[in-house]
Amino acid sequence: MMNGFSRIVVALAVASMLGACGHSSPPLVVPEPVLAGRDEPRELGVDQQVKQALDRLTFGPRPGEAAAVLHEGLDHWLVRQLTPENWPDHTADSVLANVSVLTMPLRALVDSSPQQDIFIRRRRKELGLADTARYSLTGDDSIRYRNMTDLGNRRVAQYNGAKLTRAVVGDHQLEELMVDFWENHFSVWRNKMPTQFTLLEYDRDVIRPHALGKFRELLGAVAHSSAMLWYLDNYQSTADSSHLTLPASVNLGKAKTAADSQRIRTNASRRRGGLNENYGRELMELHTLGVDGGYTQGDVINVARALTGWGLQTPREGGGFIFNANAHDADTKLVLGHALPAGRGVEDGDEVLDIIARHPSTARFIARKLVRHFVSDSAPPALVQRAANEFTRTDGDIRQVLALIVSSPEFYRKSSVRAKVKTPYELVASAYRAMQGVPDTAARSVQLAATLGQQIYGHQTPDGWPDDAESWMNTGAVLSRINFGSNIAAGRIPGITVARWTPTLALKDAPLEQQVDAIADALFQGQMSADTRSVLMSGSNPLAARAGAMPTGKAPTLNELIGLALGAPEFQRR
């Protein structure tokens, strides 16, 4: 019988053959995006343009991929990456076909692995016990609950593992990068979710379908999501006692006497609960306008008021969005100069999303983040402005804004090459791709990013993981990355075997200098500094040697060369 790894390898081989056999693609469903800068002069030659695109628009090139893209034509490849709906991803689909958790409804997942208090409540009902009757998890109930918990934990591991698997084996690389980008932009924390499966729903049903679509639709999906409403506490936000709820507003309009009106307002003033500004503030500061986007504290309050009643129905049992009119502040509001009339319900929140999604500050803020992520930490201002203009012109069409960025002269400047440092998650994914590895569809592989400092959905605050070199490249982090490369070379990383790497057989008995050059071609696309070459030739990384992390003073083996290369600055950058 085949083990799990063998089955994945077979699936990859089958998927590769299917693609090679010319299976027909589905009909085009997305118009070809306009590559606005395709005819403008570029500093990089054609070969270097391809390498730049693979470094920046995938989770790292695989062996032979640069030659394949060069043969296909860079522009054609870019269009395919920008329109993943138009062509199948045989490889990822094959590898993940049997991971049933990815397609199960949230309620079904929660029902099969409920939290303990929910399990106990259901057992009380099944046994006909009163709420005050004594009950404890013993005997068969204890075993049943433990089995359900174990099943839930395995399923969580599977959907976390599937995220990395898609990044490594999938052909829809730019789409996967954008899913990761938006999940960090609309960051939520794994330890503050209503269920252990809410993040699967967030990835599968909220972010992924809109990653290359219209920003307003993405913003709306996030605003209605269980993950965001729970994480930023909006499900608890209600009209405070100085404002009328929607039913009270309706009743006030029907009041026949001053006494009736006064009674309605008096009852409102006695109401408990109140406004929670968390989501209203982060919606503008982190998700749309930016901290300098021109809003005031008054806008924060009024946006929060507009979103009162946007809550969740039985969220810890897998329930989703519900609008609660009894919690909604139905008085007039003023948001960024726009008046919201009294007496409305869910339309208040929808209009707020319309206003901020189409605000000029949002265009600039999103454009700057995308340029910083895909071009350089400095985010060239001229490109940011053009991208912002495109965002406005296309009503927030993410695909078209990306097309402008990735075909721009700034993207293909020499100063943009290797200008970005890989996050730990990107580093892990790129190592698997470069070494032709296959991550397990459980969580062992994905935990590698956590050991390097970036747990998936593990950023506690809503600002997300940083996207600049300085935040990731302190001395301790660099040493951890060097050790990660050494662990790959030593065979300690699941799914990566140096002996299976294509160049290994040809290089096994080659002279040292030939090995170094071949490794540079395979892992650095031929771009290697004199310092890195010296490290590989000597077989010793000075930083790791000082920390006692690797031997010195002897000729390096091929595996040690590979480990050194994976820890080199060239591989840490994209």
Protein backbone atom coordinates (compact mmCIF):
# COMPACT_ATOMS: atom_id res chain seq x y z
CA MET A 1 0.00 0.00 0.00
CA MET A 2 1.10 3.57 -0.65
CA ASN A 3 1.69 5.92 2.23
CA GLY A 4 0.33 9.48 2.22
CA PHE A 5 3.43 10.95 0.62
CA SER A 6 3.44 8.36 -2.15
CA ARG A 7 -0.22 9.04 -2.94
CA ILE A 8 0.53 12.75 -3.28
CA VAL A 9 3.48 12.10 -5.59
CA VAL A 10 1.28 9.88 -7.77
CA ALA A 11 -1.43 12.54 -7.82
CA LEU A 12 1.11 15.14 -8.92
CA ALA A 13 2.34 12.87 -11.70
CA VAL A 14 -1.21 12.16 -12.91
CA ALA A 15 -2.09 15.85 -12.81
CA SER A 16 1.05 16.70 -14.76
CA MET A 17 0.20 14.13 -17.44
CA LEU A 18 -3.38 15.42 -17.69
CA GLY A 19 -2.06 18.92 -18.30
CA ALA A 20 0.45 17.67 -20.86
CA CYS A 21 -2.21 15.73 -22.73
CA GLY A 22 -3.95 18.95 -23.68
CA HIS A 23 -7.18 18.65 -21.71
CA SER A 24 -9.46 21.39 -22.94
CA SER A 25 -9.82 24.45 -20.75
CA PRO A 26 -13.27 25.71 -19.79
CA PRO A 27 -14.73 28.60 -21.80
CA LEU A 28 -13.35 32.03 -20.95
CA VAL A 29 -15.37 33.64 -18.20
CA VAL A 30 -13.12 36.61 -17.36
CA PRO A 31 -12.05 39.21 -19.95
CA GLU A 32 -8.34 39.45 -20.62
CA PRO A 33 -6.86 42.14 -18.36
CA VAL A 34 -5.04 45.07 -19.90
CA LEU A 35 -1.28 44.95 -19.34
CA ALA A 36 -0.93 48.70 -19.42
CA GLY A 37 2.86 48.82 -19.42
CA ARG A 38 3.63 46.01 -21.82
CA ASP A 39 4.98 48.39 -24.51
CA GLU A 40 6.95 50.70 -22.21
CA PRO A 41 10.77 50.45 -21.98
CA ARG A 42 12.06 48.15 -19.21
CA GLU A 43 15.49 48.11 -17.57
CA LEU A 44 15.60 44.31 -17.38
CA GLY A 45 16.20 42.06 -20.34
CA VAL A 46 13.61 39.46 -21.30
CA ASP A 47 15.22 36.63 -19.32
CA GLN A 48 15.49 38.82 -16.23
CA GLN A 49 11.90 40.00 -16.61
CA VAL A 50 10.76 36.37 -16.46
CA LYS A 51 12.87 35.73 -13.37
CA GLN A 52 11.51 38.85 -11.69
CA ALA A 53 7.93 37.81 -12.44
CA LEU A 54 8.48 34.31 -11.04
CA ASP A 55 10.21 35.64 -7.93
CA ARG A 56 7.47 38.15 -7.21
CA LEU A 57 4.24 36.68 -8.59
CA THR A 58 4.65 33.09 -7.39
CA PHE A 59 5.72 31.50 -4.13
CA GLY A 60 9.06 30.91 -5.83
CA PRO A 61 10.08 29.33 -9.13
CA ARG A 62 10.20 25.59 -9.57
CA PRO A 63 13.02 23.92 -11.51
CA GLY A 64 12.59 24.58 -15.22
CA GLU A 65 9.75 27.07 -14.74
CA ALA A 66 11.68 30.08 -16.05
CA ALA A 67 12.39 28.31 -19.34
CA ALA A 68 8.73 27.30 -19.63
CA VAL A 69 7.50 30.87 -19.08
CA LEU A 70 10.06 32.22 -21.53
CA HIS A 71 8.82 29.73 -24.12
CA GLU A 72 5.16 30.59 -23.45
CA GLY A 73 5.76 34.32 -23.42
CA LEU A 74 5.72 36.45 -20.28
CA ASP A 75 2.64 38.47 -21.23
CA HIS A 76 0.62 35.34 -21.95
CA TRP A 77 1.71 33.82 -18.63
CA LEU A 78 0.74 37.02 -16.79
CA VAL A 79 -2.71 36.99 -18.34
CA ARG A 80 -3.20 33.37 -17.31
CA GLN A 81 -2.15 34.16 -13.75
CA LEU A 82 -4.54 37.12 -13.64
CA THR A 83 -7.46 35.01 -14.91
CA PRO A 84 -7.32 31.73 -12.95
CA GLU A 85 -11.05 31.18 -13.55
CA ASN A 86 -10.27 30.54 -17.19
CA TRP A 87 -8.00 27.53 -16.78
CA PRO A 88 -7.99 24.52 -14.44
CA ASP A 89 -5.47 23.82 -11.70
CA HIS A 90 -5.15 20.07 -12.19
CA THR A 91 -2.29 19.64 -9.75
CA ALA A 92 -3.79 21.31 -6.68
CA ASP A 93 -7.20 19.84 -7.40
CA SER A 94 -5.74 16.32 -7.60
CA VAL A 95 -3.66 16.62 -4.45
CA LEU A 96 -6.53 18.02 -2.39
CA ALA A 97 -9.36 16.01 -3.95
CA ASN A 98 -9.74 13.70 -0.96
CA VAL A 99 -9.46 16.39 1.74
CA SER A 100 -13.19 16.41 2.45
CA VAL A 101 -13.02 19.14 5.09
CA LEU A 102 -12.43 21.71 2.34
CA THR A 103 -15.94 21.29 0.94
CA MET A 104 -17.97 20.53 4.08
CA PRO A 105 -20.49 23.15 5.28
CA LEU A 106 -19.49 24.96 8.45
CA ARG A 107 -22.51 23.76 10.41
CA ALA A 108 -21.78 20.13 9.52
CA LEU A 109 -18.20 20.52 10.71
CA VAL A 110 -19.24 22.10 14.00
CA ASP A 111 -22.00 19.52 14.55
CA SER A 112 -19.49 16.70 14.18
CA SER A 113 -16.96 18.37 16.54
CA PRO A 114 -18.86 20.73 18.88
CA GLN A 115 -17.34 22.68 21.73
CA GLN A 116 -17.78 21.07 25.14
CA ASP A 117 -20.57 23.28 26.50
CA ILE A 118 -22.58 22.80 23.30
CA PHE A 119 -22.05 19.03 23.42
CA ILE A 120 -23.22 18.95 27.04
CA ARG A 121 -26.28 21.06 26.29
CA ARG A 122 -27.24 18.76 23.45
CA ARG A 123 -26.74 15.65 25.60
CA ARG A 124 -28.93 17.14 28.33
CA LYS A 125 -31.67 17.63 25.76
CA GLU A 126 -31.24 14.10 24.36
CA LEU A 127 -31.44 12.66 27.89
CA GLY A 128 -34.43 14.81 28.83
CA LEU A 129 -32.54 16.43 31.72
CA ALA A 130 -33.47 19.77 33.21
CA ASP A 131 -30.91 22.57 32.92
CA THR A 132 -30.31 22.36 36.67
CA ALA A 133 -29.80 18.57 36.75
CA ARG A 134 -26.29 17.31 37.43
CA TYR A 135 -24.40 16.00 34.44
CA SER A 136 -20.76 15.27 33.74
CA LEU A 137 -18.80 13.84 30.84
CA THR A 138 -18.17 10.25 31.92
CA GLY A 139 -18.22 6.81 30.37
CA ASP A 140 -19.46 6.55 26.79
CA ASP A 141 -20.19 10.28 26.61
CA SER A 142 -16.61 11.08 27.54
CA ILE A 143 -15.26 8.71 24.88
CA ARG A 144 -17.69 10.06 22.29
CA TYR A 145 -16.74 13.66 23.01
CA ARG A 146 -13.02 12.85 22.92
CA ASN A 147 -13.42 11.13 19.55
CA MET A 148 -15.33 14.12 18.18
CA THR A 149 -12.62 16.45 19.45
CA ASP A 150 -9.88 14.35 17.87
CA LEU A 151 -11.76 14.38 14.57
CA GLY A 152 -12.10 18.16 14.77
CA ASN A 153 -8.40 18.63 15.47
CA ARG A 154 -7.47 16.47 12.49
CA ARG A 155 -9.77 18.47 10.24
CA VAL A 156 -8.31 21.77 11.42
CA ALA A 157 -4.85 20.41 10.66
CA GLN A 158 -6.05 19.40 7.20
CA TYR A 159 -7.41 22.77 6.19
CA ASN A 160 -4.36 24.57 7.56
CA GLY A 161 -2.14 22.14 5.67
CA ALA A 162 -4.19 22.63 2.51
CA LYS A 163 -3.32 26.34 2.50
CA LEU A 164 0.40 25.60 2.21
CA THR A 165 -0.24 22.74 -0.22
CA ARG A 166 -1.99 25.11 -2.63
CA ALA A 167 0.88 27.59 -2.35
CA VAL A 168 3.42 24.87 -3.17
CA VAL A 169 1.82 22.65 -5.81
CA GLY A 170 -0.84 24.94 -7.28
CA ASP A 171 -0.52 26.56 -10.68
CA HIS A 172 -2.78 29.50 -9.77
CA GLN A 173 0.13 31.15 -8.03
CA LEU A 174 -0.85 34.82 -8.27
CA GLU A 175 -4.35 34.06 -7.03
CA GLU A 176 -2.88 32.21 -4.05
CA LEU A 177 -0.57 35.12 -3.31
CA MET A 178 -3.56 37.45 -3.37
CA VAL A 179 -5.53 35.20 -1.02
CA ASP A 180 -2.59 35.39 1.38
CA PHE A 181 -2.32 39.17 0.87
CA TRP A 182 -5.99 39.83 1.64
CA GLU A 183 -6.08 37.45 4.59
CA ASN A 184 -3.26 39.49 6.05
CA HIS A 185 -4.88 42.81 5.08
CA PHE A 186 -8.19 41.75 6.67
CA SER A 187 -6.31 40.05 9.48
CA VAL A 188 -8.10 37.98 12.14
CA TRP A 189 -6.64 35.97 15.02
CA ARG A 190 -7.03 32.21 15.24
CA ASN A 191 -7.41 32.30 19.04
CA LYS A 192 -10.43 34.60 18.88
CA MET A 193 -12.87 32.79 16.62
CA PRO A 194 -16.37 31.48 17.42
CA THR A 195 -15.48 27.96 16.19
CA GLN A 196 -12.32 26.14 15.20
CA PHE A 197 -13.63 25.95 11.62
CA THR A 198 -14.49 29.63 11.15
CA LEU A 199 -11.12 30.29 9.51
CA LEU A 200 -11.82 27.61 6.89
CA GLU A 201 -15.01 29.46 6.03
CA TYR A 202 -13.11 32.77 5.99
CA ASP A 203 -10.56 31.46 3.50
CA ARG A 204 -12.91 29.39 1.35
CA ASP A 205 -16.10 31.44 1.24
CA VAL A 206 -15.06 35.01 2.04
CA ILE A 207 -11.54 35.85 0.81
CA ARG A 208 -10.80 33.33 -1.94
CA PRO A 209 -13.82 34.01 -4.20
CA HIS A 210 -13.09 37.76 -4.21
CA ALA A 211 -9.28 37.85 -4.21
CA LEU A 212 -9.08 39.15 -7.79
CA GLY A 213 -12.51 40.71 -8.03
CA LYS A 214 -14.02 44.05 -7.05
CA PHE A 215 -12.75 45.52 -3.79
CA ARG A 216 -16.25 46.58 -2.71
CA GLU A 217 -17.49 43.00 -3.00
CA LEU A 218 -14.51 41.72 -1.02
CA LEU A 219 -15.04 44.40 1.64
CA GLY A 220 -18.71 43.45 1.91
CA ALA A 221 -17.96 39.75 2.22
CA VAL A 222 -15.50 40.46 5.05
CA ALA A 223 -17.98 42.79 6.79
CA HIS A 224 -20.62 40.03 6.79
CA SER A 225 -18.22 37.27 7.85
CA SER A 226 -18.38 35.44 11.15
CA ALA A 227 -14.59 35.75 11.49
CA MET A 228 -14.46 39.56 11.32
CA LEU A 229 -17.70 40.28 13.19
CA TRP A 230 -16.54 38.08 16.06
CA TYR A 231 -12.87 39.09 16.07
CA LEU A 232 -13.58 42.83 16.23
CA ASP A 233 -16.65 42.43 18.48
CA ASN A 234 -19.20 43.99 16.16
CA TYR A 235 -21.66 41.18 16.91
CA GLN A 236 -21.95 42.71 20.40
CA SER A 237 -22.37 46.32 19.24
CA THR A 238 -25.80 47.83 19.87
CA ALA A 239 -27.41 51.25 19.79
CA ASP A 240 -26.57 53.13 22.97
CA SER A 241 -29.27 54.55 25.20
CA SER A 242 -29.13 58.01 23.61
CA HIS A 243 -30.34 56.69 20.25
CA LEU A 244 -33.42 54.87 19.01
CA THR A 245 -33.34 51.34 17.69
CA LEU A 246 -35.11 50.58 14.41
CA PRO A 247 -38.34 49.27 16.05
CA ALA A 248 -38.39 52.29 18.40
CA SER A 249 -37.88 54.61 15.43
CA VAL A 250 -40.80 52.98 13.63
CA ASN A 251 -42.97 53.28 16.74
CA LEU A 252 -41.98 56.92 17.16
CA GLY A 253 -43.24 57.60 13.66
CA LYS A 254 -46.58 56.08 14.62
CA ALA A 255 -46.88 57.95 17.93
CA LYS A 256 -50.10 59.98 18.13
CA THR A 257 -49.31 62.08 21.19
CA ALA A 258 -46.34 63.79 22.80
CA ALA A 259 -46.75 61.44 25.74
CA ASP A 260 -46.36 58.42 23.46
CA SER A 261 -43.21 59.93 21.95
CA GLN A 262 -41.77 60.66 25.38
CA ARG A 263 -42.50 57.13 26.57
CA ILE A 264 -40.64 55.67 23.57
CA ARG A 265 -37.61 57.85 24.23
CA THR A 266 -37.68 57.09 27.94
CA ASN A 267 -37.71 53.35 27.28
CA ALA A 268 -34.74 53.79 24.93
CA SER A 269 -32.77 55.60 27.61
CA ARG A 270 -33.16 52.59 29.92
CA ARG A 271 -31.73 50.17 27.39
CA ARG A 272 -28.58 48.28 28.35
CA GLY A 273 -25.66 47.46 26.11
CA GLY A 274 -23.97 49.96 23.88
CA LEU A 275 -21.77 50.85 20.98
CA ASN A 276 -18.53 49.00 20.21
CA GLU A 277 -16.20 51.04 18.00
CA ASN A 278 -13.59 48.35 17.29
CA TYR A 279 -14.71 47.33 13.82
CA GLY A 280 -15.73 50.83 12.77
CA ARG A 281 -12.25 52.10 13.63
CA GLU A 282 -10.27 49.28 12.01
CA LEU A 283 -12.56 49.29 8.96
CA MET A 284 -11.32 52.80 8.15
CA GLU A 285 -7.80 52.76 9.60
CA LEU A 286 -6.61 49.33 8.44
CA HIS A 287 -9.00 48.11 5.76
CA THR A 288 -9.79 51.15 3.62
CA LEU A 289 -8.85 54.80 4.19
CA GLY A 290 -5.64 54.39 6.18
CA VAL A 291 -4.65 56.22 9.35
CA ASP A 292 -4.17 59.49 7.42
CA GLY A 293 -7.23 58.99 5.24
CA GLY A 294 -9.15 62.05 6.36
CA TYR A 295 -11.64 60.59 8.82
CA THR A 296 -12.35 61.88 12.33
CA GLN A 297 -13.34 60.35 15.63
CA GLY A 298 -16.87 61.43 14.80
CA ASP A 299 -16.71 59.33 11.63
CA VAL A 300 -15.52 56.34 13.66
CA ILE A 301 -18.50 56.67 15.98
CA ASN A 302 -21.00 57.11 13.16
CA VAL A 303 -19.62 54.19 11.16
CA ALA A 304 -19.89 52.04 14.28
CA ARG A 305 -23.48 53.27 14.75
CA ALA A 306 -24.28 52.40 11.13
CA LEU A 307 -23.01 48.86 11.72
CA THR A 308 -25.00 48.20 14.90
CA GLY A 309 -27.19 45.15 14.49
CA TRP A 310 -24.70 43.49 12.13
CA GLY A 311 -24.42 40.35 14.21
CA LEU A 312 -24.30 36.58 14.18
CA GLN A 313 -26.88 33.87 14.76
CA THR A 314 -25.66 31.02 17.03
CA PRO A 315 -22.04 31.73 15.98
CA ARG A 316 -20.48 29.04 18.18
CA GLU A 317 -22.63 26.47 16.39
CA GLY A 318 -21.66 27.62 12.90
CA GLY A 319 -24.37 30.22 12.36
CA GLY A 320 -23.65 33.20 10.14
CA PHE A 321 -24.63 36.80 9.59
CA ILE A 322 -27.93 38.15 10.85
CA PHE A 323 -29.24 41.69 11.04
CA ASN A 324 -30.78 42.46 14.41
CA ALA A 325 -33.13 45.43 14.08
CA ASN A 326 -33.51 45.62 17.86
CA ALA A 327 -29.78 46.39 18.17
CA HIS A 328 -29.53 48.86 15.29
CA ASP A 329 -29.17 52.59 15.83
CA ALA A 330 -31.74 54.07 13.46
CA ASP A 331 -31.11 57.76 14.10
CA THR A 332 -29.46 60.06 11.54
CA LYS A 333 -25.70 59.83 11.02
CA LEU A 334 -23.00 61.74 9.17
CA VAL A 335 -20.13 59.71 7.65
CA LEU A 336 -17.34 61.47 5.75
CA GLY A 337 -19.74 64.25 4.82
CA HIS A 338 -22.52 61.88 3.69
CA ALA A 339 -25.82 62.07 5.58
CA LEU A 340 -27.50 58.77 6.45
CA PRO A 341 -31.21 59.38 7.07
CA ALA A 342 -33.10 58.10 10.09
CA GLY A 343 -35.36 55.09 10.09
CA ARG A 344 -33.17 52.72 8.08
CA GLY A 345 -31.78 49.29 8.93
CA VAL A 346 -29.07 47.20 7.29
CA GLU A 347 -28.89 49.78 4.47
CA ASP A 348 -26.89 52.06 6.80
CA GLY A 349 -23.97 49.65 6.91
CA ASP A 350 -24.17 48.88 3.20
CA GLU A 351 -24.03 52.59 2.35
CA VAL A 352 -21.04 53.08 4.65
CA LEU A 353 -19.21 50.32 2.78
CA ASP A 354 -20.10 52.01 -0.53
CA ILE A 355 -18.80 55.37 0.71
CA ILE A 356 -15.47 54.17 2.05
CA ALA A 357 -14.78 51.63 -0.73
CA ARG A 358 -15.01 54.42 -3.31
CA HIS A 359 -13.24 57.12 -1.31
CA PRO A 360 -10.02 58.53 -2.88
CA SER A 361 -8.08 57.69 0.29
CA THR A 362 -9.03 54.03 -0.09
CA ALA A 363 -7.74 53.99 -3.67
CA ARG A 364 -4.40 55.41 -2.51
CA PHE A 365 -4.16 53.17 0.56
CA ILE A 366 -4.87 49.92 -1.28
CA ALA A 367 -2.67 50.93 -4.23
CA ARG A 368 0.24 51.69 -1.90
CA LYS A 369 -0.09 48.35 -0.10
CA LEU A 370 -0.18 46.43 -3.36
CA VAL A 371 2.81 48.29 -4.82
CA ARG A 372 4.77 47.83 -1.60
CA HIS A 373 3.99 44.11 -1.60
CA PHE A 374 4.75 43.39 -5.25
CA VAL A 375 7.42 45.96 -6.15
CA SER A 376 9.44 47.25 -3.20
CA ASP A 377 9.20 48.48 0.39
CA SER A 378 9.65 52.05 -0.85
CA ALA A 379 6.51 51.81 -3.04
CA PRO A 380 7.48 54.15 -5.94
CA PRO A 381 5.08 57.13 -5.63
CA ALA A 382 4.43 57.51 -9.37
CA LEU A 383 3.35 53.87 -9.63
CA VAL A 384 1.21 54.20 -6.51
CA GLN A 385 -0.59 57.16 -8.09
CA ARG A 386 -1.19 55.33 -11.38
CA ALA A 387 -2.46 52.28 -9.50
CA ALA A 388 -4.76 54.47 -7.39
CA ASN A 389 -6.09 56.09 -10.56
CA GLU A 390 -6.75 52.65 -12.02
CA PHE A 391 -8.52 51.60 -8.81
CA THR A 392 -10.80 54.61 -9.12
CA ARG A 393 -11.33 54.28 -12.88
CA THR A 394 -12.33 50.60 -12.62
CA ASP A 395 -14.42 50.96 -9.45
CA GLY A 396 -11.90 48.98 -7.43
CA ASP A 397 -11.16 46.18 -9.89
CA ILE A 398 -8.33 44.35 -8.13
CA ARG A 399 -7.39 42.36 -11.23
CA GLN A 400 -6.92 45.49 -13.34
CA VAL A 401 -4.92 47.29 -10.65
CA LEU A 402 -2.63 44.26 -10.39
CA ALA A 403 -2.28 44.07 -14.17
CA LEU A 404 -1.08 47.67 -14.19
CA ILE A 405 1.43 47.03 -11.39
CA VAL A 406 2.93 43.82 -12.77
CA SER A 407 3.36 45.25 -16.27
CA SER A 408 4.82 48.58 -15.09
CA PRO A 409 8.39 49.75 -15.78
CA GLU A 410 8.91 50.07 -12.00
CA PHE A 411 8.20 46.37 -11.54
CA TYR A 412 11.01 45.59 -14.00
CA ARG A 413 13.63 48.00 -12.66
CA LYS A 414 16.97 46.61 -11.55
CA SER A 415 16.39 48.19 -8.14
CA SER A 416 13.22 46.10 -7.76
CA VAL A 417 15.01 42.77 -8.20
CA ARG A 418 15.17 40.89 -4.89
CA ALA A 419 13.93 44.06 -3.18
CA LYS A 420 11.49 42.15 -0.96
CA VAL A 421 12.29 39.83 1.95
CA LYS A 422 10.22 36.65 2.12
CA THR A 423 7.98 36.26 5.13
CA PRO A 424 8.47 32.94 6.96
CA TYR A 425 5.39 31.52 5.22
CA GLU A 426 6.71 32.60 1.82
CA LEU A 427 10.13 31.16 2.66
CA VAL A 428 8.70 27.77 3.57
CA ALA A 429 6.53 27.63 0.45
CA SER A 430 9.41 28.73 -1.80
CA ALA A 431 11.73 26.09 -0.32
CA TYR A 432 9.22 23.34 -1.06
CA ARG A 433 8.78 24.62 -4.60
CA ALA A 434 12.51 25.04 -5.27
CA MET A 435 13.31 21.59 -3.89
CA GLN A 436 10.37 19.89 -5.64
CA GLY A 437 8.93 18.94 -2.29
CA VAL A 438 5.33 18.19 -1.41
CA PRO A 439 4.01 19.34 1.97
CA ASP A 440 1.81 16.99 3.93
CA THR A 441 -1.86 17.85 3.96
CA ALA A 442 -1.81 17.70 7.75
CA ALA A 443 -0.32 20.59 9.70
CA ARG A 444 3.29 19.48 10.19
CA SER A 445 4.64 21.36 7.19
CA VAL A 446 2.65 24.50 7.86
CA GLN A 447 4.03 24.60 11.41
CA LEU A 448 7.45 25.31 9.92
CA ALA A 449 6.35 28.90 9.30
CA ALA A 450 5.33 29.18 12.95
CA THR A 451 8.78 28.04 14.10
CA LEU A 452 10.24 30.83 11.92
CA GLY A 453 7.98 33.41 13.54
CA GLN A 454 4.77 33.48 11.48
CA GLN A 455 1.95 31.22 12.58
CA ILE A 456 -0.92 31.07 10.09
CA TYR A 457 -3.72 33.35 11.33
CA GLY A 458 -1.48 33.89 14.34
CA HIS A 459 -1.17 37.68 14.41
CA GLN A 460 -3.05 38.84 17.50
CA THR A 461 -3.60 42.47 16.51
CA PRO A 462 -5.67 43.46 13.44
CA ASP A 463 -2.83 45.20 11.61
CA GLY A 464 -1.55 41.87 10.21
CA TRP A 465 1.99 40.66 9.70
CA PRO A 466 4.52 43.30 8.57
CA ASP A 467 5.46 43.59 4.90
CA ASP A 468 8.95 45.08 5.04
CA ALA A 469 12.48 43.75 5.26
CA GLU A 470 13.39 45.37 8.56
CA SER A 471 10.64 43.57 10.47
CA TRP A 472 11.78 40.10 9.43
CA MET A 473 15.58 40.23 9.26
CA ASN A 474 16.98 40.59 12.77
CA THR A 475 19.92 38.41 13.80
CA GLY A 476 17.81 35.77 15.52
CA ALA A 477 15.49 35.44 12.55
CA VAL A 478 18.41 35.13 10.12
CA LEU A 479 19.91 32.32 12.18
CA SER A 480 16.55 30.51 12.27
CA ARG A 481 16.35 30.76 8.49
CA ILE A 482 19.89 29.38 8.12
CA ASN A 483 18.95 26.48 10.38
CA PHE A 484 15.83 25.87 8.29
CA GLY A 485 18.03 25.43 5.22
CA SER A 486 20.31 23.06 7.13
CA ASN A 487 17.31 21.00 8.26
CA ILE A 488 16.16 20.62 4.67
CA ALA A 489 19.59 19.43 3.63
CA ALA A 490 19.68 16.98 6.54
CA GLY A 491 16.34 15.43 5.57
CA ARG A 492 14.49 16.71 8.62
CA ILE A 493 11.69 18.50 6.75
CA PRO A 494 8.66 16.37 5.77
CA GLY A 495 8.09 16.08 2.05
CA ILE A 496 11.52 17.32 0.91
CA THR A 497 14.19 14.79 -0.03
CA VAL A 498 17.44 16.05 -1.51
CA ALA A 499 17.99 12.74 -3.30
CA ARG A 500 14.75 13.34 -5.28
CA TRP A 501 15.75 16.86 -6.33
CA THR A 502 16.36 16.87 -10.10
CA PRO A 503 19.93 18.32 -10.07
CA THR A 504 21.17 15.93 -7.36
CA LEU A 505 22.04 12.94 -9.55
CA ALA A 506 24.05 14.99 -12.02
CA LEU A 507 25.90 16.90 -9.30
CA LYS A 508 26.61 14.11 -6.84
CA ASP A 509 30.18 13.47 -8.02
CA ALA A 510 30.84 16.82 -9.74
CA PRO A 511 33.68 19.15 -8.66
CA LEU A 512 32.82 21.67 -5.94
CA GLU A 513 32.86 24.69 -8.25
CA GLN A 514 30.46 23.02 -10.67
CA GLN A 515 28.15 22.10 -7.79
CA VAL A 516 28.14 25.69 -6.55
CA ASP A 517 27.35 27.10 -10.00
CA ALA A 518 24.57 24.59 -10.59
CA ILE A 519 22.99 25.27 -7.21
CA ALA A 520 23.13 29.01 -7.90
CA ASP A 521 21.34 28.43 -11.21
CA ALA A 522 18.70 26.22 -9.60
CA LEU A 523 17.99 28.20 -6.42
CA PHE A 524 19.05 31.77 -7.24
CA GLN A 525 18.25 31.79 -10.97
CA GLY A 526 21.96 32.35 -11.57
CA GLN A 527 22.16 35.54 -9.50
CA MET A 528 24.74 35.03 -6.75
CA SER A 529 26.89 37.56 -4.88
CA ALA A 530 30.61 37.09 -4.36
CA ASP A 531 30.03 36.77 -0.60
CA THR A 532 27.51 33.95 -1.06
CA ARG A 533 29.81 32.18 -3.49
CA SER A 534 32.61 32.40 -0.94
CA VAL A 535 30.36 30.91 1.75
CA LEU A 536 29.36 28.00 -0.47
CA MET A 537 32.94 27.32 -1.57
CA SER A 538 34.16 27.34 2.03
CA GLY A 539 31.24 25.29 3.31
CA SER A 540 30.74 27.62 6.27
CA ASN A 541 28.29 30.40 6.97
CA PRO A 542 30.06 32.80 9.38
CA LEU A 543 26.89 33.69 11.28
CA ALA A 544 25.88 30.06 11.78
CA ALA A 545 29.46 29.05 12.60
CA ARG A 546 29.70 31.68 15.35
CA ALA A 547 26.50 30.32 16.84
CA GLY A 548 27.79 26.74 16.65
CA ALA A 549 25.02 25.79 14.25
CA MET A 550 27.12 24.02 11.66
CA PRO A 551 30.62 22.52 11.26
CA THR A 552 33.51 24.46 9.81
CA GLY A 553 36.91 23.67 8.36
CA LYS A 554 35.97 20.85 5.99
CA ALA A 555 34.92 20.58 2.37
CA PRO A 556 31.11 20.76 2.11
CA THR A 557 29.03 17.85 0.92
CA LEU A 558 26.38 18.44 -1.75
CA ASN A 559 23.69 18.38 0.92
CA GLU A 560 25.56 20.94 3.00
CA LEU A 561 25.93 23.18 -0.06
CA ILE A 562 22.19 23.02 -0.62
CA GLY A 563 21.54 23.87 3.03
CA LEU A 564 23.91 26.84 2.85
CA ALA A 565 22.27 28.06 -0.35
CA LEU A 566 18.77 27.86 1.15
CA GLY A 567 20.00 30.00 4.05
CA ALA A 568 21.73 32.55 1.81
CA PRO A 569 20.45 36.13 1.35
CA GLU A 570 19.58 35.43 -2.29
CA PHE A 571 17.06 32.78 -1.24
CA GLN A 572 15.65 34.90 1.58
CA ARG A 573 14.58 37.56 -0.90
CA ARG A 574 12.08 37.59 -3.68
